[in-house]
PDB file of N, CA and C in Angstrom:
ATOM      1  N   ARG A   1     -15.693   4.895   4.366  1.00  0.00           N
ATOM      2  CA  ARG A   1     -14.291   5.049   4.807  1.00  0.00           C
ATOM      3  C   ARG A   1     -14.056   4.034   5.709  1.00  0.00           C
ATOM      4  N   GLY A   2     -14.917   3.624   6.834  1.00  0.00           N
ATOM      5  CA  GLY A   2     -14.734   2.762   7.756  1.00  0.00           C
ATOM      6  C   GLY A   2     -14.206   1.508   7.283  1.00  0.00           C
ATOM      7  N   MET A   3     -14.878   1.015   5.896  1.00  0.00           N
ATOM      8  CA  MET A   3     -14.266  -0.305   5.518  1.00  0.00           C
ATOM      9  C   MET A   3     -12.920  -0.352   5.206  1.00  0.00           C
ATOM     10  N   ALA A   4     -12.703   0.849   4.146  1.00  0.00           N
ATOM     11  CA  ALA A   4     -11.214   1.135   3.956  1.00  0.00           C
ATOM     12  C   ALA A   4     -10.399   1.032   4.794  1.00  0.00           C
ATOM     13  N   ASP A   5     -10.359   1.786   5.844  1.00  0.00           N
ATOM     14  CA  ASP A   5      -9.936   1.707   7.080  1.00  0.00           C
ATOM     15  C   ASP A   5      -9.306   0.295   7.695  1.00  0.00           C
ATOM     16  N   LYS A   6     -10.133  -0.513   7.794  1.00  0.00           N
ATOM     17  CA  LYS A   6     -10.305  -2.061   8.199  1.00  0.00           C
ATOM     18  C   LYS A   6      -9.273  -2.507   7.155  1.00  0.00           C
ATOM     19  N   MET A   7      -9.646  -2.612   5.855  1.00  0.00           N
ATOM     20  CA  MET A   7      -8.621  -3.270   4.817  1.00  0.00           C
ATOM     21  C   MET A   7      -7.408  -2.769   4.884  1.00  0.00           C
ATOM     22  N   LEU A   8      -7.240  -1.362   5.162  1.00  0.00           N
ATOM     23  CA  LEU A   8      -5.702  -0.934   5.342  1.00  0.00           C
ATOM     24  C   LEU A   8      -5.257  -1.552   6.426  1.00  0.00           C
ATOM     25  N   LYS A   9      -5.664  -1.596   7.488  1.00  0.00           N
ATOM     26  CA  LYS A   9      -4.899  -2.135   8.984  1.00  0.00           C
ATOM     27  C   LYS A   9      -4.735  -3.759   8.534  1.00  0.00           C
ATOM     28  N   LYS A  10      -5.540  -4.536   7.660  1.00  0.00           N
ATOM     29  CA  LYS A  10      -5.413  -5.963   7.644  1.00  0.00           C
ATOM     30  C   LYS A  10      -4.107  -5.910   6.484  1.00  0.00           C
ATOM     31  N   ALA A  11      -4.128  -5.196   5.706  1.00  0.00           N
ATOM     32  CA  ALA A  11      -2.858  -5.095   4.687  1.00  0.00           C
ATOM     33  C   ALA A  11      -1.665  -4.883   5.559  1.00  0.00           C
ATOM     34  N   TYR A  12      -1.806  -3.924   6.317  1.00  0.00           N
ATOM     35  CA  TYR A  12      -0.586  -3.154   7.205  1.00  0.00           C
ATOM     36  C   TYR A  12      -0.225  -4.640   7.943  1.00  0.00           C
ATOM     37  N   ASP A  13      -1.369  -5.249   8.905  1.00  0.00           N
ATOM     38  CA  ASP A  13      -0.977  -6.334   9.953  1.00  0.00           C
ATOM     39  C   ASP A  13      -0.301  -7.646   8.946  1.00  0.00           C
ATOM     40  N   GLN A  14      -0.771  -7.690   7.592  1.00  0.00           N
ATOM     41  CA  GLN A  14      -0.203  -9.077   6.996  1.00  0.00           C
ATOM     42  C   GLN A  14       0.973  -8.757   6.620  1.00  0.00           C
ATOM     43  N   ALA A  15       1.732  -7.411   6.280  1.00  0.00           N
ATOM     44  CA  ALA A  15       2.880  -6.987   5.593  1.00  0.00           C
ATOM     45  C   ALA A  15       3.879  -7.011   6.878  1.00  0.00           C
ATOM     46  N   ALA A  16       3.021  -6.524   8.140  1.00  0.00           N
ATOM     47  CA  ALA A  16       4.167  -6.507   8.897  1.00  0.00           C
ATOM     48  C   ALA A  16       4.535  -8.066   9.869  1.00  0.00           C
ATOM     49  N   LYS A  17       3.667  -8.610   9.665  1.00  0.00           N
ATOM     50  CA  LYS A  17       4.261 -10.459  10.066  1.00  0.00           C
ATOM     51  C   LYS A  17       5.283 -10.847   9.321  1.00  0.00           C
ATOM     52  N   LYS A  18       5.568 -10.239   7.776  1.00  0.00           N
ATOM     53  CA  LYS A  18       6.483 -10.920   7.010  1.00  0.00           C
ATOM     54  C   LYS A  18       7.986 -10.158   7.624  1.00  0.00           C
ATOM     55  N   LEU A  19       7.779  -9.185   8.436  1.00  0.00           N
ATOM     56  CA  LEU A  19       9.069  -8.626   8.906  1.00  0.00           C
ATOM     57  C   LEU A  19       9.999  -9.468   9.934  1.00  0.00           C
ATOM     58  N   PRO A  20      11.097  -9.197  10.365  1.00  0.00           N
ATOM     59  CA  PRO A  20      11.687  -9.927  10.952  1.00  0.00           C
ATOM     60  C   PRO A  20      11.277  -9.095  12.654  1.00  0.00           C
ATOM     61  N   ASP A  21      11.324  -9.848  13.705  1.00  0.00           N
ATOM     62  CA  ASP A  21      10.763  -9.423  15.002  1.00  0.00           C
ATOM     63  C   ASP A  21      11.490  -8.395  15.502  1.00  0.00           C
ATOM     64  N   ASP A  22      12.533  -8.200  14.755  1.00  0.00           N
ATOM     65  CA  ASP A  22      13.321  -7.118  15.635  1.00  0.00           C
ATOM     66  C   ASP A  22      13.371  -5.745  14.723  1.00  0.00           C
ATOM     67  N   VAL A  23      12.444  -5.867  13.648  1.00  0.00           N
ATOM     68  CA  VAL A  23      12.097  -4.475  12.593  1.00  0.00           C
ATOM     69  C   VAL A  23      10.612  -4.078  13.088  1.00  0.00           C
ATOM     70  N   ASP A  24      11.136  -2.531  13.131  1.00  0.00           N
ATOM     71  CA  ASP A  24       9.561  -2.034  13.459  1.00  0.00           C
ATOM     72  C   ASP A  24       8.931  -1.675  12.050  1.00  0.00           C
ATOM     73  N   PRO A  25       7.773  -2.512  12.257  1.00  0.00           N
ATOM     74  CA  PRO A  25       7.044  -2.038  10.581  1.00  0.00           C
ATOM     75  C   PRO A  25       6.576  -0.542  10.363  1.00  0.00           C
ATOM     76  N   ALA A  26       6.643  -0.053  11.317  1.00  0.00           N
ATOM     77  CA  ALA A  26       6.406   1.716  10.975  1.00  0.00           C
ATOM     78  C   ALA A  26       7.563   2.126   9.993  1.00  0.00           C
ATOM     79  N   ASP A  27       8.981   1.601  10.277  1.00  0.00           N
ATOM     80  CA  ASP A  27      10.009   2.008   9.477  1.00  0.00           C
ATOM     81  C   ASP A  27       9.858   1.861   7.961  1.00  0.00           C
ATOM     82  N   TYR A  28       9.019   0.727   7.661  1.00  0.00           N
ATOM     83  CA  TYR A  28       9.162   0.162   6.355  1.00  0.00           C
ATOM     84  C   TYR A  28       7.581   0.004   5.658  1.00  0.00           C
ATOM     85  N   ILE A  29       6.397   0.161   6.610  1.00  0.00           N
ATOM     86  CA  ILE A  29       5.402   0.214   5.447  1.00  0.00           C
ATOM     87  C   ILE A  29       4.578   1.116   6.050  1.00  0.00           C
ATOM     88  N   VAL A  30       4.110   2.000   4.843  1.00  0.00           N
ATOM     89  CA  VAL A  30       3.253   3.189   5.176  1.00  0.00           C
ATOM     90  C   VAL A  30       2.408   3.441   4.208  1.00  0.00           C
ATOM     91  N   LEU A  31       0.970   3.094   4.490  1.00  0.00           N
ATOM     92  CA  LEU A  31      -0.302   3.190   3.832  1.00  0.00           C
ATOM     93  C   LEU A  31      -0.866   4.566   4.063  1.00  0.00           C
ATOM     94  N   LEU A  32      -0.800   4.899   2.856  1.00  0.00           N
ATOM     95  CA  LEU A  32      -1.541   6.646   2.692  1.00  0.00           C
ATOM     96  C   LEU A  32      -2.935   6.522   2.111  1.00  0.00           C
ATOM     97  N   PRO A  33      -3.866   6.511   2.866  1.00  0.00           N
ATOM     98  CA  PRO A  33      -5.502   6.956   2.486  1.00  0.00           C
ATOM     99  C   PRO A  33      -5.290   8.414   1.799  1.00  0.00           C
ATOM    100  N   ASP A  34      -5.538   8.312   0.815  1.00  0.00           N
ATOM    101  CA  ASP A  34      -5.561   9.755   0.390  1.00  0.00           C
ATOM    102  C   ASP A  34      -7.023  10.249   0.158  1.00  0.00           C
ATOM    103  N   TRP A  35      -7.720  10.895   1.047  1.00  0.00           N
ATOM    104  CA  TRP A  35      -8.931  11.120   1.546  1.00  0.00           C
ATOM    105  C   TRP A  35      -9.132  12.444   0.506  1.00  0.00           C
ATOM    106  N   GLY A  36      -8.241  13.380   0.479  1.00  0.00           N
ATOM    107  CA  GLY A  36      -8.488  14.842  -0.248  1.00  0.00           C
ATOM    108  C   GLY A  36      -7.866  14.651  -1.767  1.00  0.00           C
ATOM    109  N   GLY A  37      -7.323  13.593  -2.161  1.00  0.00           N
ATOM    110  CA  GLY A  37      -6.784  13.744  -3.734  1.00  0.00           C
ATOM    111  C   GLY A  37      -5.788  13.812  -3.944  1.00  0.00           C
ATOM    112  N   ASP A  38      -5.081  14.819  -3.017  1.00  0.00           N
ATOM    113  CA  ASP A  38      -3.730  15.037  -3.515  1.00  0.00           C
ATOM    114  C   ASP A  38      -2.280  14.452  -3.919  1.00  0.00           C
ATOM    115  N   VAL A  39      -2.497  13.279  -3.430  1.00  0.00           N
ATOM    116  CA  VAL A  39      -1.710  11.932  -3.836  1.00  0.00           C
ATOM    117  C   VAL A  39      -2.125  11.643  -5.166  1.00  0.00           C
ATOM    118  N   PHE A  40      -3.303  11.287  -5.504  1.00  0.00           N
ATOM    119  CA  PHE A  40      -3.991  10.800  -6.515  1.00  0.00           C
ATOM    120  C   PHE A  40      -3.554  11.549  -7.762  1.00  0.00           C
ATOM    121  N   ARG A  41      -3.726  12.757  -7.508  1.00  0.00           N
ATOM    122  CA  ARG A  41      -3.457  13.469  -8.617  1.00  0.00           C
ATOM    123  C   ARG A  41      -1.920  13.523  -9.039  1.00  0.00           C
ATOM    124  N   ALA A  42      -1.143  13.427  -7.939  1.00  0.00           N
ATOM    125  CA  ALA A  42       0.301  13.764  -7.987  1.00  0.00           C
ATOM    126  C   ALA A  42       0.828  12.329  -8.991  1.00  0.00           C
ATOM    127  N   PHE A  43       0.094  11.091  -8.755  1.00  0.00           N
ATOM    128  CA  PHE A  43       0.573   9.991  -9.287  1.00  0.00           C
ATOM    129  C   PHE A  43      -0.395   9.628 -10.353  1.00  0.00           C
ATOM    130  N   ASP A  44      -1.036  10.186 -11.095  1.00  0.00           N
ATOM    131  CA  ASP A  44      -2.379  10.259 -12.124  1.00  0.00           C
ATOM    132  C   ASP A  44      -3.055   8.742 -11.659  1.00  0.00           C
ATOM    133  N   VAL A  45      -3.538   8.844 -10.699  1.00  0.00           N
ATOM    134  CA  VAL A  45      -4.479   7.701 -10.431  1.00  0.00           C
ATOM    135  C   VAL A  45      -5.952   8.070 -10.870  1.00  0.00           C
ATOM    136  N   GLY A  46      -6.645   7.352 -11.464  1.00  0.00           N
ATOM    137  CA  GLY A  46      -7.866   7.735 -11.925  1.00  0.00           C
ATOM    138  C   GLY A  46      -9.218   7.361 -10.899  1.00  0.00           C
ATOM    139  N   ASP A  47     -10.352   6.806 -11.410  1.00  0.00           N
ATOM    140  CA  ASP A  47     -11.273   6.890 -10.571  1.00  0.00           C
ATOM    141  C   ASP A  47     -11.125   5.614  -9.567  1.00  0.00           C
ATOM    142  N   VAL A  48     -11.348   5.882  -8.503  1.00  0.00           N
ATOM    143  CA  VAL A  48     -11.561   4.711  -7.352  1.00  0.00           C
ATOM    144  C   VAL A  48     -12.653   4.327  -6.764  1.00  0.00           C
ATOM    145  N   SER A  49     -13.546   4.764  -7.278  1.00  0.00           N
ATOM    146  CA  SER A  49     -15.249   4.719  -6.578  1.00  0.00           C
ATOM    147  C   SER A  49     -15.437   3.180  -6.626  1.00  0.00           C
ATOM    148  N   ARG A  50     -15.125   2.444  -7.719  1.00  0.00           N
ATOM    149  CA  ARG A  50     -15.437   1.057  -7.600  1.00  0.00           C
ATOM    150  C   ARG A  50     -14.316   0.122  -7.324  1.00  0.00           C
ATOM    151  N   LYS A  51     -12.869   0.424  -7.391  1.00  0.00           N
ATOM    152  CA  LYS A  51     -12.023  -0.417  -7.441  1.00  0.00           C
ATOM    153  C   LYS A  51     -10.649   0.632  -6.440  1.00  0.00           C
ATOM    154  N   ALA A  52     -10.073  -0.183  -5.621  1.00  0.00           N
ATOM    155  CA  ALA A  52      -8.724   0.181  -4.977  1.00  0.00           C
ATOM    156  C   ALA A  52      -7.804   0.362  -6.109  1.00  0.00           C
ATOM    157  N   PHE A  53      -6.894   1.443  -5.656  1.00  0.00           N
ATOM    158  CA  PHE A  53      -5.828   1.563  -6.289  1.00  0.00           C
ATOM    159  C   PHE A  53      -4.579   1.577  -5.371  1.00  0.00           C
ATOM    160  N   MET A  54      -3.500   0.785  -5.675  1.00  0.00           N
ATOM    161  CA  MET A  54      -2.177   0.883  -4.806  1.00  0.00           C
ATOM    162  C   MET A  54      -0.968   1.276  -5.471  1.00  0.00           C
ATOM    163  N   ILE A  55      -0.174   1.886  -4.763  1.00  0.00           N
ATOM    164  CA  ILE A  55       1.274   2.310  -5.441  1.00  0.00           C
ATOM    165  C   ILE A  55       1.894   1.917  -4.249  1.00  0.00           C
ATOM    166  N   ILE A  56       3.490   1.278  -4.762  1.00  0.00           N
ATOM    167  CA  ILE A  56       4.233   0.712  -3.817  1.00  0.00           C
ATOM    168  C   ILE A  56       5.506   1.863  -4.402  1.00  0.00           C
ATOM    169  N   ILE A  57       6.164   2.574  -3.410  1.00  0.00           N
ATOM    170  CA  ILE A  57       7.239   3.326  -3.762  1.00  0.00           C
ATOM    171  C   ILE A  57       8.684   2.850  -2.776  1.00  0.00           C
ATOM    172  N   ASP A  58       9.522   2.682  -3.582  1.00  0.00           N
ATOM    173  CA  ASP A  58      10.759   2.044  -2.703  1.00  0.00           C
ATOM    174  C   ASP A  58      11.470   3.453  -2.092  1.00  0.00           C
ATOM    175  N   ASP A  59      12.289   3.050  -1.227  1.00  0.00           N
ATOM    176  CA  ASP A  59      13.103   4.039  -0.299  1.00  0.00           C
ATOM    177  C   ASP A  59      13.781   5.078  -1.293  1.00  0.00           C
ATOM    178  N   GLU A  60      14.048   5.207  -2.304  1.00  0.00           N
ATOM    179  CA  GLU A  60      14.171   5.801  -3.428  1.00  0.00           C
ATOM    180  C   GLU A  60      13.596   6.688  -3.955  1.00  0.00           C
ATOM    181  N   GLY A  61      12.204   6.596  -3.962  1.00  0.00           N
ATOM    182  CA  GLY A  61      11.179   7.557  -4.475  1.00  0.00           C
ATOM    183  C   GLY A  61      10.722   6.495  -5.944  1.00  0.00           C
ATOM    184  N   ASN A  62      11.197   5.310  -6.015  1.00  0.00           N
ATOM    185  CA  ASN A  62      10.871   4.783  -7.241  1.00  0.00           C
ATOM    186  C   ASN A  62       9.176   3.799  -7.270  1.00  0.00           C
ATOM    187  N   VAL A  63       8.622   4.251  -8.320  1.00  0.00           N
ATOM    188  CA  VAL A  63       7.384   3.287  -7.949  1.00  0.00           C
ATOM    189  C   VAL A  63       7.725   1.604  -8.645  1.00  0.00           C
ATOM    190  N   VAL A  64       7.612   1.021  -7.817  1.00  0.00           N
ATOM    191  CA  VAL A  64       8.049  -0.239  -8.094  1.00  0.00           C
ATOM    192  C   VAL A  64       6.797  -1.454  -8.573  1.00  0.00           C
ATOM    193  N   ALA A  65       5.346  -0.859  -8.122  1.00  0.00           N
ATOM    194  CA  ALA A  65       4.308  -1.590  -8.537  1.00  0.00           C
ATOM    195  C   ALA A  65       3.030  -0.336  -8.335  1.00  0.00           C
ATOM    196  N   ARG A  66       2.087  -0.811  -9.325  1.00  0.00           N
ATOM    197  CA  ARG A  66       1.011  -0.022  -9.068  1.00  0.00           C
ATOM    198  C   ARG A  66      -0.161  -0.710  -9.832  1.00  0.00           C
ATOM    199  N   GLN A  67      -1.319  -0.832  -9.252  1.00  0.00           N
ATOM    200  CA  GLN A  67      -2.233  -1.965  -9.684  1.00  0.00           C
ATOM    201  C   GLN A  67      -3.520  -1.093  -9.329  1.00  0.00           C
ATOM    202  N   GLN A  68      -4.483  -1.466 -10.209  1.00  0.00           N
ATOM    203  CA  GLN A  68      -6.231  -1.121  -9.706  1.00  0.00           C
ATOM    204  C   GLN A  68      -6.894  -2.493  -9.612  1.00  0.00           C
ATOM    205  N   GLY A  69      -7.550  -2.484  -8.192  1.00  0.00           N
ATOM    206  CA  GLY A  69      -8.446  -3.846  -8.377  1.00  0.00           C
ATOM    207  C   GLY A  69      -7.606  -5.080  -8.403  1.00  0.00           C
ATOM    208  N   GLY A  70      -8.164  -5.994  -8.219  1.00  0.00           N
ATOM    209  CA  GLY A  70      -7.382  -7.298  -7.933  1.00  0.00           C
ATOM    210  C   GLY A  70      -7.249  -7.732  -6.511  1.00  0.00           C
ATOM    211  N   ASN A  71      -6.371  -8.487  -6.082  1.00  0.00           N
ATOM    212  CA  ASN A  71      -5.803  -8.943  -5.026  1.00  0.00           C
ATOM    213  C   ASN A  71      -4.809  -8.192  -4.595  1.00  0.00           C
ATOM    214  N   LEU A  72      -4.832  -7.053  -4.086  1.00  0.00           N
ATOM    215  CA  LEU A  72      -3.964  -5.764  -3.683  1.00  0.00           C
ATOM    216  C   LEU A  72      -3.178  -6.402  -2.539  1.00  0.00           C
ATOM    217  N   SER A  73      -3.981  -6.984  -1.435  1.00  0.00           N
ATOM    218  CA  SER A  73      -2.874  -7.693  -0.643  1.00  0.00           C
ATOM    219  C   SER A  73      -1.571  -8.522  -1.161  1.00  0.00           C
ATOM    220  N   LYS A  74      -1.880  -9.256  -1.844  1.00  0.00           N
ATOM    221  CA  LYS A  74      -1.056 -10.426  -2.552  1.00  0.00           C
ATOM    222  C   LYS A  74       0.044  -9.776  -3.547  1.00  0.00           C
ATOM    223  N   LEU A  75      -0.375  -8.772  -3.711  1.00  0.00           N
ATOM    224  CA  LEU A  75       0.742  -7.952  -5.084  1.00  0.00           C
ATOM    225  C   LEU A  75       1.491  -7.103  -3.701  1.00  0.00           C
ATOM    226  N   ALA A  76       0.593  -6.600  -2.797  1.00  0.00           N
ATOM    227  CA  ALA A  76       1.554  -5.813  -1.903  1.00  0.00           C
ATOM    228  C   ALA A  76       2.833  -6.434  -0.910  1.00  0.00           C
ATOM    229  N   LEU A  77       2.047  -7.693  -0.556  1.00  0.00           N
ATOM    230  CA  LEU A  77       3.108  -8.838   0.333  1.00  0.00           C
ATOM    231  C   LEU A  77       4.341  -9.078  -0.986  1.00  0.00           C
ATOM    232  N   ARG A  78       3.765  -9.298  -2.088  1.00  0.00           N
ATOM    233  CA  ARG A  78       4.739 -10.065  -2.678  1.00  0.00           C
ATOM    234  C   ARG A  78       6.085  -8.732  -3.414  1.00  0.00           C
ATOM    235  N   GLU A  79       5.743  -7.624  -3.644  1.00  0.00           N
ATOM    236  CA  GLU A  79       6.553  -6.616  -3.529  1.00  0.00           C
ATOM    237  C   GLU A  79       7.474  -6.028  -2.691  1.00  0.00           C
ATOM    238  N   LEU A  80       6.649  -6.168  -1.336  1.00  0.00           N
ATOM    239  CA  LEU A  80       6.936  -5.551   0.123  1.00  0.00           C
ATOM    240  C   LEU A  80       8.355  -6.691   0.015  1.00  0.00           C
ATOM    241  N   ASP A  81       7.726  -7.766  -0.087  1.00  0.00           N
ATOM    242  CA  ASP A  81       9.024  -9.070   0.369  1.00  0.00           C
ATOM    243  C   ASP A  81      10.116  -8.777  -0.687  1.00  0.00           C
ATOM    244  N   LYS A  82      10.164  -8.270  -1.683  1.00  0.00           N
ATOM    245  CA  LYS A  82      11.252  -7.802  -2.661  1.00  0.00           C
ATOM    246  C   LYS A  82      11.994  -6.662  -1.812  1.00  0.00           C
ATOM    247  N   LEU A  83      11.329  -5.677  -1.390  1.00  0.00           N
ATOM    248  CA  LEU A  83      12.130  -4.578  -0.949  1.00  0.00           C
ATOM    249  C   LEU A  83      12.436  -4.947   0.287  1.00  0.00           C
ATOM    250  N   ILE A  84      12.363  -5.849   0.981  1.00  0.00           N
ATOM    251  CA  ILE A  84      12.928  -6.291   2.219  1.00  0.00           C
ATOM    252  C   ILE A  84      14.557  -6.751   2.533  1.00  0.00           C
TER     253      ILE A  84
END
């Protein structure tokens, strides 16, 4: 869990750097580690024991990106750029 927390912080920091200086990143970026599995079940996320899974949801509740494994940071930054 410690490694996952570090990766989440890094992804958050990278995404926050892309925002304008007068914007609070907390208003636009939410990373939700789902240690209990409730969100995983709601979004039909499978096994994440070997590969992380990411879902990006827009302000209207639409899933705009979902991916398991690969370069999740790159996908997150690309998709968040589209939403800003």
